[in-house]
PDB file of N, CA and C in Angstrom:
ATOM      1  N   UNK A   1     -35.427-201.669  23.531  1.00  0.00           N
ATOM      2  CA  UNK A   1     -34.526-201.159  22.629  1.00  0.00           C
ATOM      3  C   UNK A   1     -34.965-201.716  20.820  1.00  0.00           C
ATOM      4  N   UNK A   2     -35.497-202.512  20.672  1.00  0.00           N
ATOM      5  CA  UNK A   2     -35.976-202.446  19.198  1.00  0.00           C
ATOM      6  C   UNK A   2     -36.829-201.212  18.960  1.00  0.00           C
ATOM      7  N   UNK A   3     -37.922-200.984  20.161  1.00  0.00           N
ATOM      8  CA  UNK A   3     -38.534-199.319  20.176  1.00  0.00           C
ATOM      9  C   UNK A   3     -38.056-198.480  19.964  1.00  0.00           C
ATOM     10  N   UNK A   4     -36.536-198.092  20.386  1.00  0.00           N
ATOM     11  CA  UNK A   4     -36.000-197.116  20.541  1.00  0.00           C
ATOM     12  C   UNK A   4     -35.171-197.317  18.581  1.00  0.00           C
ATOM     13  N   UNK A   5     -34.657-198.721  18.729  1.00  0.00           N
ATOM     14  CA  UNK A   5     -34.019-198.019  16.945  1.00  0.00           C
ATOM     15  C   UNK A   5     -35.348-198.038  15.606  1.00  0.00           C
ATOM     16  N   UNK A   6     -36.891-198.721  16.030  1.00  0.00           N
ATOM     17  CA  UNK A   6     -37.782-198.133  15.155  1.00  0.00           C
ATOM     18  C   UNK A   6     -38.135-196.962  15.564  1.00  0.00           C
ATOM     19  N   UNK A   7     -37.930-196.272  16.604  1.00  0.00           N
ATOM     20  CA  UNK A   7     -38.219-194.925  16.891  1.00  0.00           C
ATOM     21  C   UNK A   7     -37.380-193.914  15.963  1.00  0.00           C
ATOM     22  N   UNK A   8     -36.381-194.179  15.758  1.00  0.00           N
ATOM     23  CA  UNK A   8     -34.949-194.092  15.281  1.00  0.00           C
ATOM     24  C   UNK A   8     -35.120-193.492  13.525  1.00  0.00           C
ATOM     25  N   UNK A   9     -35.551-195.069  13.335  1.00  0.00           N
ATOM     26  CA  UNK A   9     -35.501-195.122  11.844  1.00  0.00           C
ATOM     27  C   UNK A   9     -36.843-193.997  11.214  1.00  0.00           C
ATOM     28  N   UNK A  10     -37.768-194.098  11.579  1.00  0.00           N
ATOM     29  CA  UNK A  10     -38.660-193.275  11.803  1.00  0.00           C
ATOM     30  C   UNK A  10     -38.735-192.332  11.355  1.00  0.00           C
ATOM     31  N   UNK A  11     -38.089-191.644  12.348  1.00  0.00           N
ATOM     32  CA  UNK A  11     -37.649-190.143  12.726  1.00  0.00           C
ATOM     33  C   UNK A  11     -37.054-189.600  11.478  1.00  0.00           C
ATOM     34  N   UNK A  12     -36.039-190.665  11.414  1.00  0.00           N
ATOM     35  CA  UNK A  12     -34.766-190.542  10.540  1.00  0.00           C
ATOM     36  C   UNK A  12     -35.757-190.528   9.277  1.00  0.00           C
ATOM     37  N   UNK A  13     -36.441-191.124   8.554  1.00  0.00           N
ATOM     38  CA  UNK A  13     -37.680-191.198   7.527  1.00  0.00           C
ATOM     39  C   UNK A  13     -38.431-189.628   7.098  1.00  0.00           C
ATOM     40  N   UNK A  14     -38.503-189.696   8.563  1.00  0.00           N
ATOM     41  CA  UNK A  14     -39.556-188.045   8.459  1.00  0.00           C
ATOM     42  C   UNK A  14     -38.197-186.987   7.838  1.00  0.00           C
ATOM     43  N   UNK A  15     -37.328-186.744   8.756  1.00  0.00           N
ATOM     44  CA  UNK A  15     -36.516-185.923   8.485  1.00  0.00           C
ATOM     45  C   UNK A  15     -35.742-185.623   6.815  1.00  0.00           C
ATOM     46  N   UNK A  16     -35.385-186.733   6.526  1.00  0.00           N
ATOM     47  CA  UNK A  16     -35.093-186.891   4.924  1.00  0.00           C
ATOM     48  C   UNK A  16     -36.413-186.348   4.216  1.00  0.00           C
ATOM     49  N   UNK A  17     -37.617-186.738   4.680  1.00  0.00           N
ATOM     50  CA  UNK A  17     -38.683-186.605   3.479  1.00  0.00           C
ATOM     51  C   UNK A  17     -38.823-185.049   3.594  1.00  0.00           C
ATOM     52  N   UNK A  18     -38.865-184.138   5.159  1.00  0.00           N
ATOM     53  CA  UNK A  18     -38.953-182.922   5.106  1.00  0.00           C
ATOM     54  C   UNK A  18     -37.834-182.253   4.048  1.00  0.00           C
ATOM     55  N   UNK A  19     -36.535-183.158   4.149  1.00  0.00           N
ATOM     56  CA  UNK A  19     -35.105-182.110   3.121  1.00  0.00           C
ATOM     57  C   UNK A  19     -35.581-182.246   1.912  1.00  0.00           C
ATOM     58  N   UNK A  20     -36.457-183.150   1.136  1.00  0.00           N
ATOM     59  CA  UNK A  20     -36.659-183.127  -0.039  1.00  0.00           C
ATOM     60  C   UNK A  20     -37.621-182.538  -0.374  1.00  0.00           C
ATOM     61  N   UNK A  21     -38.239-181.953   0.366  1.00  0.00           N
ATOM     62  CA  UNK A  21     -39.836-181.432   0.732  1.00  0.00           C
ATOM     63  C   UNK A  21     -39.602-179.990  -0.114  1.00  0.00           C
ATOM     64  N   UNK A  22     -40.639-179.403  -1.585  1.00  0.00           N
ATOM     65  CA  UNK A  22     -40.535-178.689  -2.440  1.00  0.00           C
ATOM     66  C   UNK A  22     -41.158-176.993  -1.894  1.00  0.00           C
ATOM     67  N   UNK A  23     -39.856-176.413  -1.937  1.00  0.00           N
ATOM     68  CA  UNK A  23     -40.042-175.015  -1.503  1.00  0.00           C
ATOM     69  C   UNK A  23     -41.370-174.366  -2.377  1.00  0.00           C
ATOM     70  N   UNK A  24     -42.600-173.825  -2.128  1.00  0.00           N
ATOM     71  CA  UNK A  24     -43.075-173.230  -3.370  1.00  0.00           C
ATOM     72  C   UNK A  24     -42.884-172.283  -3.545  1.00  0.00           C
ATOM     73  N   UNK A  25     -42.367-171.440  -1.766  1.00  0.00           N
ATOM     74  CA  UNK A  25     -42.343-169.956  -2.233  1.00  0.00           C
ATOM     75  C   UNK A  25     -41.100-169.860  -2.894  1.00  0.00           C
ATOM     76  N   UNK A  26     -40.064-169.933  -3.095  1.00  0.00           N
ATOM     77  CA  UNK A  26     -38.830-169.977  -4.118  1.00  0.00           C
ATOM     78  C   UNK A  26     -39.604-170.143  -5.291  1.00  0.00           C
ATOM     79  N   UNK A  27     -40.530-170.277  -5.692  1.00  0.00           N
ATOM     80  CA  UNK A  27     -40.509-170.038  -7.169  1.00  0.00           C
ATOM     81  C   UNK A  27     -41.392-169.064  -8.000  1.00  0.00           C
ATOM     82  N   UNK A  28     -41.770-168.853  -8.865  1.00  0.00           N
ATOM     83  CA  UNK A  28     -42.160-167.910  -9.548  1.00  0.00           C
ATOM     84  C   UNK A  28     -43.561-167.763  -9.641  1.00  0.00           C
ATOM     85  N   UNK A  29     -44.673-167.138  -9.688  1.00  0.00           N
ATOM     86  CA  UNK A  29     -46.061-167.058  -9.943  1.00  0.00           C
ATOM     87  C   UNK A  29     -46.082-168.018 -11.172  1.00  0.00           C
ATOM     88  N   UNK A  30     -45.471-167.671 -12.068  1.00  0.00           N
ATOM     89  CA  UNK A  30     -45.804-168.312 -13.504  1.00  0.00           C
ATOM     90  C   UNK A  30     -45.168-170.165 -13.410  1.00  0.00           C
ATOM     91  N   UNK A  31     -44.268-170.046 -12.239  1.00  0.00           N
ATOM     92  CA  UNK A  31     -44.147-171.604 -11.705  1.00  0.00           C
ATOM     93  C   UNK A  31     -45.051-172.290 -11.385  1.00  0.00           C
ATOM     94  N   UNK A  32     -45.818-171.521 -10.454  1.00  0.00           N
ATOM     95  CA  UNK A  32     -46.391-171.954  -9.818  1.00  0.00           C
ATOM     96  C   UNK A  32     -48.120-172.149 -10.330  1.00  0.00           C
ATOM     97  N   UNK A  33     -48.318-171.010 -11.363  1.00  0.00           N
ATOM     98  CA  UNK A  33     -49.000-171.361 -12.499  1.00  0.00           C
ATOM     99  C   UNK A  33     -49.403-172.472 -13.239  1.00  0.00           C
ATOM    100  N   UNK A  34     -47.995-173.013 -13.597  1.00  0.00           N
ATOM    101  CA  UNK A  34     -47.892-174.060 -14.753  1.00  0.00           C
ATOM    102  C   UNK A  34     -48.112-175.239 -13.599  1.00  0.00           C
ATOM    103  N   UNK A  35     -47.508-175.514 -12.326  1.00  0.00           N
ATOM    104  CA  UNK A  35     -48.054-176.477 -11.847  1.00  0.00           C
ATOM    105  C   UNK A  35     -49.624-176.908 -11.179  1.00  0.00           C
ATOM    106  N   UNK A  36     -50.452-175.998 -11.539  1.00  0.00           N
ATOM    107  CA  UNK A  36     -51.965-175.952 -11.000  1.00  0.00           C
ATOM    108  C   UNK A  36     -52.305-177.332 -11.903  1.00  0.00           C
ATOM    109  N   UNK A  37     -53.335-178.185 -11.588  1.00  0.00           N
ATOM    110  CA  UNK A  37     -53.634-179.417 -11.909  1.00  0.00           C
ATOM    111  C   UNK A  37     -52.502-180.419 -12.445  1.00  0.00           C
ATOM    112  N   UNK A  38     -51.241-180.332 -11.806  1.00  0.00           N
ATOM    113  CA  UNK A  38     -50.708-181.269 -11.746  1.00  0.00           C
ATOM    114  C   UNK A  38     -50.447-182.394 -10.464  1.00  0.00           C
ATOM    115  N   UNK A  39     -50.874-181.843  -9.425  1.00  0.00           N
ATOM    116  CA  UNK A  39     -50.689-181.936  -8.238  1.00  0.00           C
ATOM    117  C   UNK A  39     -51.017-183.245  -7.706  1.00  0.00           C
ATOM    118  N   UNK A  40     -51.718-184.396  -8.674  1.00  0.00           N
ATOM    119  CA  UNK A  40     -52.049-185.439  -8.523  1.00  0.00           C
ATOM    120  C   UNK A  40     -51.367-186.300  -7.757  1.00  0.00           C
ATOM    121  N   UNK A  41     -50.019-186.478  -8.160  1.00  0.00           N
ATOM    122  CA  UNK A  41     -49.383-187.604  -7.581  1.00  0.00           C
ATOM    123  C   UNK A  41     -48.329-187.090  -6.741  1.00  0.00           C
ATOM    124  N   UNK A  42     -48.568-185.897  -6.403  1.00  0.00           N
ATOM    125  CA  UNK A  42     -47.960-185.161  -5.154  1.00  0.00           C
ATOM    126  C   UNK A  42     -48.485-185.454  -3.738  1.00  0.00           C
ATOM    127  N   UNK A  43     -47.624-185.385  -2.623  1.00  0.00           N
ATOM    128  CA  UNK A  43     -48.025-186.072  -1.412  1.00  0.00           C
ATOM    129  C   UNK A  43     -48.962-185.092  -0.895  1.00  0.00           C
ATOM    130  N   UNK A  44     -50.033-185.530  -0.107  1.00  0.00           N
ATOM    131  CA  UNK A  44     -50.970-184.520   0.814  1.00  0.00           C
ATOM    132  C   UNK A  44     -50.275-183.228   1.189  1.00  0.00           C
ATOM    133  N   UNK A  45     -49.284-183.573   2.045  1.00  0.00           N
ATOM    134  CA  UNK A  45     -48.260-182.286   2.222  1.00  0.00           C
ATOM    135  C   UNK A  45     -47.648-181.296   1.286  1.00  0.00           C
ATOM    136  N   UNK A  46     -47.345-181.908  -0.218  1.00  0.00           N
ATOM    137  CA  UNK A  46     -46.792-180.848  -1.140  1.00  0.00           C
ATOM    138  C   UNK A  46     -48.247-180.564  -1.693  1.00  0.00           C
ATOM    139  N   UNK A  47     -49.397-180.754  -1.742  1.00  0.00           N
ATOM    140  CA  UNK A  47     -50.180-180.353  -2.026  1.00  0.00           C
ATOM    141  C   UNK A  47     -51.084-178.951  -1.026  1.00  0.00           C
ATOM    142  N   UNK A  48     -50.800-179.226   0.201  1.00  0.00           N
ATOM    143  CA  UNK A  48     -50.955-178.285   1.252  1.00  0.00           C
ATOM    144  C   UNK A  48     -50.199-177.299   0.694  1.00  0.00           C
ATOM    145  N   UNK A  49     -48.957-177.541   0.876  1.00  0.00           N
ATOM    146  CA  UNK A  49     -48.026-176.334   0.469  1.00  0.00           C
ATOM    147  C   UNK A  49     -48.256-175.762  -0.655  1.00  0.00           C
ATOM    148  N   UNK A  50     -48.936-176.444  -1.784  1.00  0.00           N
ATOM    149  CA  UNK A  50     -49.000-175.495  -2.824  1.00  0.00           C
ATOM    150  C   UNK A  50     -50.268-174.786  -3.047  1.00  0.00           C
ATOM    151  N   UNK A  51     -51.065-175.525  -2.073  1.00  0.00           N
ATOM    152  CA  UNK A  51     -52.149-174.926  -2.228  1.00  0.00           C
ATOM    153  C   UNK A  51     -52.216-173.303  -1.535  1.00  0.00           C
ATOM    154  N   UNK A  52     -51.489-173.586   0.004  1.00  0.00           N
ATOM    155  CA  UNK A  52     -50.992-172.710   1.043  1.00  0.00           C
ATOM    156  C   UNK A  52     -50.484-171.477   0.110  1.00  0.00           C
ATOM    157  N   UNK A  53     -49.266-171.905  -0.917  1.00  0.00           N
ATOM    158  CA  UNK A  53     -48.927-170.780  -1.527  1.00  0.00           C
ATOM    159  C   UNK A  53     -49.184-169.919  -2.083  1.00  0.00           C
ATOM    160  N   UNK A  54     -50.124-170.845  -2.909  1.00  0.00           N
ATOM    161  CA  UNK A  54     -51.361-170.364  -4.145  1.00  0.00           C
ATOM    162  C   UNK A  54     -51.978-169.319  -3.697  1.00  0.00           C
ATOM    163  N   UNK A  55     -52.935-169.466  -2.405  1.00  0.00           N
ATOM    164  CA  UNK A  55     -53.723-168.933  -1.271  1.00  0.00           C
ATOM    165  C   UNK A  55     -53.212-167.214  -1.334  1.00  0.00           C
ATOM    166  N   UNK A  56     -51.957-167.528  -1.284  1.00  0.00           N
ATOM    167  CA  UNK A  56     -51.088-166.043  -0.456  1.00  0.00           C
ATOM    168  C   UNK A  56     -50.545-165.384  -1.648  1.00  0.00           C
ATOM    169  N   UNK A  57     -50.772-166.163  -2.838  1.00  0.00           N
ATOM    170  CA  UNK A  57     -50.021-164.941  -4.078  1.00  0.00           C
ATOM    171  C   UNK A  57     -51.630-164.969  -4.955  1.00  0.00           C
ATOM    172  N   UNK A  58     -52.589-164.964  -4.698  1.00  0.00           N
ATOM    173  CA  UNK A  58     -53.593-164.745  -5.005  1.00  0.00           C
ATOM    174  C   UNK A  58     -54.036-163.184  -4.291  1.00  0.00           C
ATOM    175  N   UNK A  59     -53.844-163.789  -2.670  1.00  0.00           N
ATOM    176  CA  UNK A  59     -54.600-162.244  -1.513  1.00  0.00           C
ATOM    177  C   UNK A  59     -53.544-161.071  -2.349  1.00  0.00           C
ATOM    178  N   UNK A  60     -52.530-161.338  -2.904  1.00  0.00           N
ATOM    179  CA  UNK A  60     -51.238-160.270  -2.976  1.00  0.00           C
ATOM    180  C   UNK A  60     -51.370-159.656  -4.369  1.00  0.00           C
ATOM    181  N   UNK A  61     -51.960-160.479  -5.369  1.00  0.00           N
ATOM    182  CA  UNK A  61     -52.364-159.770  -6.836  1.00  0.00           C
ATOM    183  C   UNK A  61     -53.212-158.707  -7.023  1.00  0.00           C
ATOM    184  N   UNK A  62     -52.890-158.414  -8.171  1.00  0.00           N
ATOM    185  CA  UNK A  62     -53.638-157.038  -8.734  1.00  0.00           C
ATOM    186  C   UNK A  62     -54.713-157.798  -9.365  1.00  0.00           C
ATOM    187  N   UNK A  63     -55.787-157.076 -10.112  1.00  0.00           N
ATOM    188  CA  UNK A  63     -56.811-157.668 -10.733  1.00  0.00           C
ATOM    189  C   UNK A  63     -56.355-157.765 -12.151  1.00  0.00           C
ATOM    190  N   UNK A  64     -55.140-157.185 -12.929  1.00  0.00           N
ATOM    191  CA  UNK A  64     -54.805-157.675 -13.895  1.00  0.00           C
ATOM    192  C   UNK A  64     -54.130-159.228 -13.881  1.00  0.00           C
ATOM    193  N   UNK A  65     -53.230-159.173 -12.690  1.00  0.00           N
ATOM    194  CA  UNK A  65     -52.702-160.510 -12.317  1.00  0.00           C
ATOM    195  C   UNK A  65     -53.549-161.812 -11.992  1.00  0.00           C
ATOM    196  N   UNK A  66     -54.612-161.270 -11.450  1.00  0.00           N
ATOM    197  CA  UNK A  66     -55.791-162.400 -11.191  1.00  0.00           C
ATOM    198  C   UNK A  66     -56.300-162.808 -12.901  1.00  0.00           C
ATOM    199  N   UNK A  67     -56.770-161.784 -13.465  1.00  0.00           N
ATOM    200  CA  UNK A  67     -57.486-162.274 -14.591  1.00  0.00           C
ATOM    201  C   UNK A  67     -56.530-163.123 -15.309  1.00  0.00           C
ATOM    202  N   UNK A  68     -54.902-162.752 -15.497  1.00  0.00           N
ATOM    203  CA  UNK A  68     -54.303-163.456 -15.693  1.00  0.00           C
ATOM    204  C   UNK A  68     -53.652-165.088 -15.824  1.00  0.00           C
ATOM    205  N   UNK A  69     -53.906-165.186 -14.599  1.00  0.00           N
ATOM    206  CA  UNK A  69     -53.556-166.282 -13.790  1.00  0.00           C
ATOM    207  C   UNK A  69     -54.777-167.122 -13.190  1.00  0.00           C
ATOM    208  N   UNK A  70     -56.249-166.535 -13.580  1.00  0.00           N
ATOM    209  CA  UNK A  70     -57.033-167.118 -13.071  1.00  0.00           C
ATOM    210  C   UNK A  70     -58.381-167.363 -14.049  1.00  0.00           C
ATOM    211  N   UNK A  71     -58.196-166.994 -14.964  1.00  0.00           N
ATOM    212  CA  UNK A  71     -59.163-166.437 -16.289  1.00  0.00           C
ATOM    213  C   UNK A  71     -59.833-165.111 -16.131  1.00  0.00           C
ATOM    214  N   UNK A  72     -60.187-165.110 -17.278  1.00  0.00           N
ATOM    215  CA  UNK A  72     -60.989-163.353 -17.407  1.00  0.00           C
ATOM    216  C   UNK A  72     -62.563-163.187 -17.101  1.00  0.00           C
ATOM    217  N   UNK A  73     -62.856-162.580 -15.902  1.00  0.00           N
ATOM    218  CA  UNK A  73     -64.246-162.248 -15.371  1.00  0.00           C
ATOM    219  C   UNK A  73     -65.380-162.439 -16.745  1.00  0.00           C
ATOM    220  N   UNK A  74     -64.863-161.995 -18.153  1.00  0.00           N
ATOM    221  CA  UNK A  74     -65.802-162.048 -19.601  1.00  0.00           C
ATOM    222  C   UNK A  74     -66.186-163.723 -19.971  1.00  0.00           C
ATOM    223  N   UNK A  75     -65.443-164.236 -19.854  1.00  0.00           N
ATOM    224  CA  UNK A  75     -66.059-165.696 -20.234  1.00  0.00           C
ATOM    225  C   UNK A  75     -66.005-166.702 -19.162  1.00  0.00           C
ATOM    226  N   UNK A  76     -66.260-166.081 -17.820  1.00  0.00           N
ATOM    227  CA  UNK A  76     -66.403-167.071 -16.147  1.00  0.00           C
ATOM    228  C   UNK A  76     -67.944-167.368 -16.594  1.00  0.00           C
ATOM    229  N   UNK A  77     -67.780-168.437 -16.502  1.00  0.00           N
ATOM    230  CA  UNK A  77     -69.864-169.029 -16.191  1.00  0.00           C
ATOM    231  C   UNK A  77     -69.869-170.130 -17.721  1.00  0.00           C
ATOM    232  N   UNK A  78     -69.335-169.897 -18.633  1.00  0.00           N
ATOM    233  CA  UNK A  78     -69.007-170.694 -20.244  1.00  0.00           C
ATOM    234  C   UNK A  78     -68.746-171.947 -19.773  1.00  0.00           C
ATOM    235  N   UNK A  79     -69.763-172.672 -19.778  1.00  0.00           N
ATOM    236  CA  UNK A  79     -69.678-174.403 -20.131  1.00  0.00           C
ATOM    237  C   UNK A  79     -69.273-174.686 -18.334  1.00  0.00           C
ATOM    238  N   UNK A  80     -69.322-173.848 -17.667  1.00  0.00           N
ATOM    239  CA  UNK A  80     -69.577-174.164 -16.308  1.00  0.00           C
ATOM    240  C   UNK A  80     -70.267-173.796 -15.328  1.00  0.00           C
ATOM    241  N   UNK A  81     -70.951-174.903 -14.337  1.00  0.00           N
ATOM    242  CA  UNK A  81     -71.876-174.616 -13.469  1.00  0.00           C
ATOM    243  C   UNK A  81     -72.116-172.940 -13.188  1.00  0.00           C
ATOM    244  N   UNK A  82     -72.903-172.182 -13.119  1.00  0.00           N
ATOM    245  CA  UNK A  82     -73.044-171.105 -12.981  1.00  0.00           C
ATOM    246  C   UNK A  82     -73.635-171.074 -11.271  1.00  0.00           C
ATOM    247  N   UNK A  83     -73.321-170.325 -10.469  1.00  0.00           N
ATOM    248  CA  UNK A  83     -73.425-170.031  -9.168  1.00  0.00           C
ATOM    249  C   UNK A  83     -74.769-169.521  -8.826  1.00  0.00           C
ATOM    250  N   UNK A  84     -75.586-170.385  -8.149  1.00  0.00           N
ATOM    251  CA  UNK A  84     -77.047-170.360  -8.410  1.00  0.00           C
ATOM    252  C   UNK A  84     -78.088-170.604  -9.128  1.00  0.00           C
ATOM    253  N   UNK A  85     -77.498-171.147 -10.477  1.00  0.00           N
ATOM    254  CA  UNK A  85     -78.556-171.261 -11.195  1.00  0.00           C
ATOM    255  C   UNK A  85     -78.879-172.346 -10.983  1.00  0.00           C
ATOM    256  N   UNK A  86     -78.226-173.407 -10.629  1.00  0.00           N
ATOM    257  CA  UNK A  86     -79.180-175.134  -9.766  1.00  0.00           C
ATOM    258  C   UNK A  86     -78.786-175.864 -11.498  1.00  0.00           C
ATOM    259  N   UNK A  87     -78.441-175.150 -12.277  1.00  0.00           N
ATOM    260  CA  UNK A  87     -78.121-176.112 -13.620  1.00  0.00           C
ATOM    261  C   UNK A  87     -76.252-176.384 -13.544  1.00  0.00           C
ATOM    262  N   UNK A  88     -76.026-177.733 -13.604  1.00  0.00           N
ATOM    263  CA  UNK A  88     -74.661-178.008 -14.347  1.00  0.00           C
ATOM    264  C   UNK A  88     -74.334-178.623 -15.632  1.00  0.00           C
ATOM    265  N   UNK A  89     -73.033-178.481 -16.016  1.00  0.00           N
ATOM    266  CA  UNK A  89     -72.756-178.858 -17.266  1.00  0.00           C
ATOM    267  C   UNK A  89     -73.187-180.291 -17.885  1.00  0.00           C
ATOM    268  N   UNK A  90     -73.511-180.636 -18.992  1.00  0.00           N
ATOM    269  CA  UNK A  90     -73.648-182.405 -19.789  1.00  0.00           C
ATOM    270  C   UNK A  90     -75.182-183.262 -18.402  1.00  0.00           C
ATOM    271  N   UNK A  91     -75.553-182.442 -17.598  1.00  0.00           N
ATOM    272  CA  UNK A  91     -76.482-183.322 -16.825  1.00  0.00           C
ATOM    273  C   UNK A  91     -75.827-183.918 -15.545  1.00  0.00           C
ATOM    274  N   UNK A  92     -74.523-183.431 -15.052  1.00  0.00           N
ATOM    275  CA  UNK A  92     -74.149-183.417 -13.653  1.00  0.00           C
ATOM    276  C   UNK A  92     -74.849-183.290 -12.696  1.00  0.00           C
ATOM    277  N   UNK A  93     -75.161-184.311 -11.463  1.00  0.00           N
ATOM    278  CA  UNK A  93     -75.434-183.763 -10.839  1.00  0.00           C
ATOM    279  C   UNK A  93     -76.868-184.005 -10.442  1.00  0.00           C
ATOM    280  N   UNK A  94     -77.333-184.519 -11.185  1.00  0.00           N
ATOM    281  CA  UNK A  94     -78.748-184.665 -11.536  1.00  0.00           C
ATOM    282  C   UNK A  94     -79.296-185.967 -10.754  1.00  0.00           C
ATOM    283  N   UNK A  95     -78.489-187.166 -10.620  1.00  0.00           N
ATOM    284  CA  UNK A  95     -79.100-187.247  -9.369  1.00  0.00           C
ATOM    285  C   UNK A  95     -79.527-188.987 -10.042  1.00  0.00           C
ATOM    286  N   UNK A  96     -79.310-188.976 -11.555  1.00  0.00           N
ATOM    287  CA  UNK A  96     -79.480-190.118 -12.419  1.00  0.00           C
ATOM    288  C   UNK A  96     -78.481-191.000 -13.114  1.00  0.00           C
ATOM    289  N   UNK A  97     -77.888-191.497 -11.733  1.00  0.00           N
ATOM    290  CA  UNK A  97     -76.637-191.853 -12.369  1.00  0.00           C
ATOM    291  C   UNK A  97     -76.759-193.939 -12.706  1.00  0.00           C
ATOM    292  N   UNK A  98     -78.294-193.820 -13.123  1.00  0.00           N
ATOM    293  CA  UNK A  98     -78.480-195.253 -13.733  1.00  0.00           C
ATOM    294  C   UNK A  98     -77.667-196.593 -13.176  1.00  0.00           C
ATOM    295  N   UNK A  99     -77.244-196.364 -11.868  1.00  0.00           N
ATOM    296  CA  UNK A  99     -76.348-197.235 -10.955  1.00  0.00           C
ATOM    297  C   UNK A  99     -77.495-198.314 -11.402  1.00  0.00           C
ATOM    298  N   UNK A 100     -76.595-199.743 -11.829  1.00  0.00           N
ATOM    299  CA  UNK A 100     -77.457-200.562 -11.770  1.00  0.00           C
ATOM    300  C   UNK A 100     -76.790-201.979 -10.613  1.00  0.00           C
TER     301      UNK A 100
END
């Protein structure tokens, strides 16, 4: 009897949580772009749903839209690790963490 009640409670909680889940597919690309970098406090499910929708949008973007939402290729790599360069900014990743 107790296990059925417990199962019903857990099932209800899961059902309620999906009702309040955010549907990122209804948001505009501008709204999604504003949410980038703000998902730290979101649940794993929300982050995955956001990531999936964002990737779908990127695949369907024109080159101009990609530049608008992902940044300009002219400034790419400035202050960031260049692909294949083997160097990182500010000495990051050099294995000298000073662990005491």
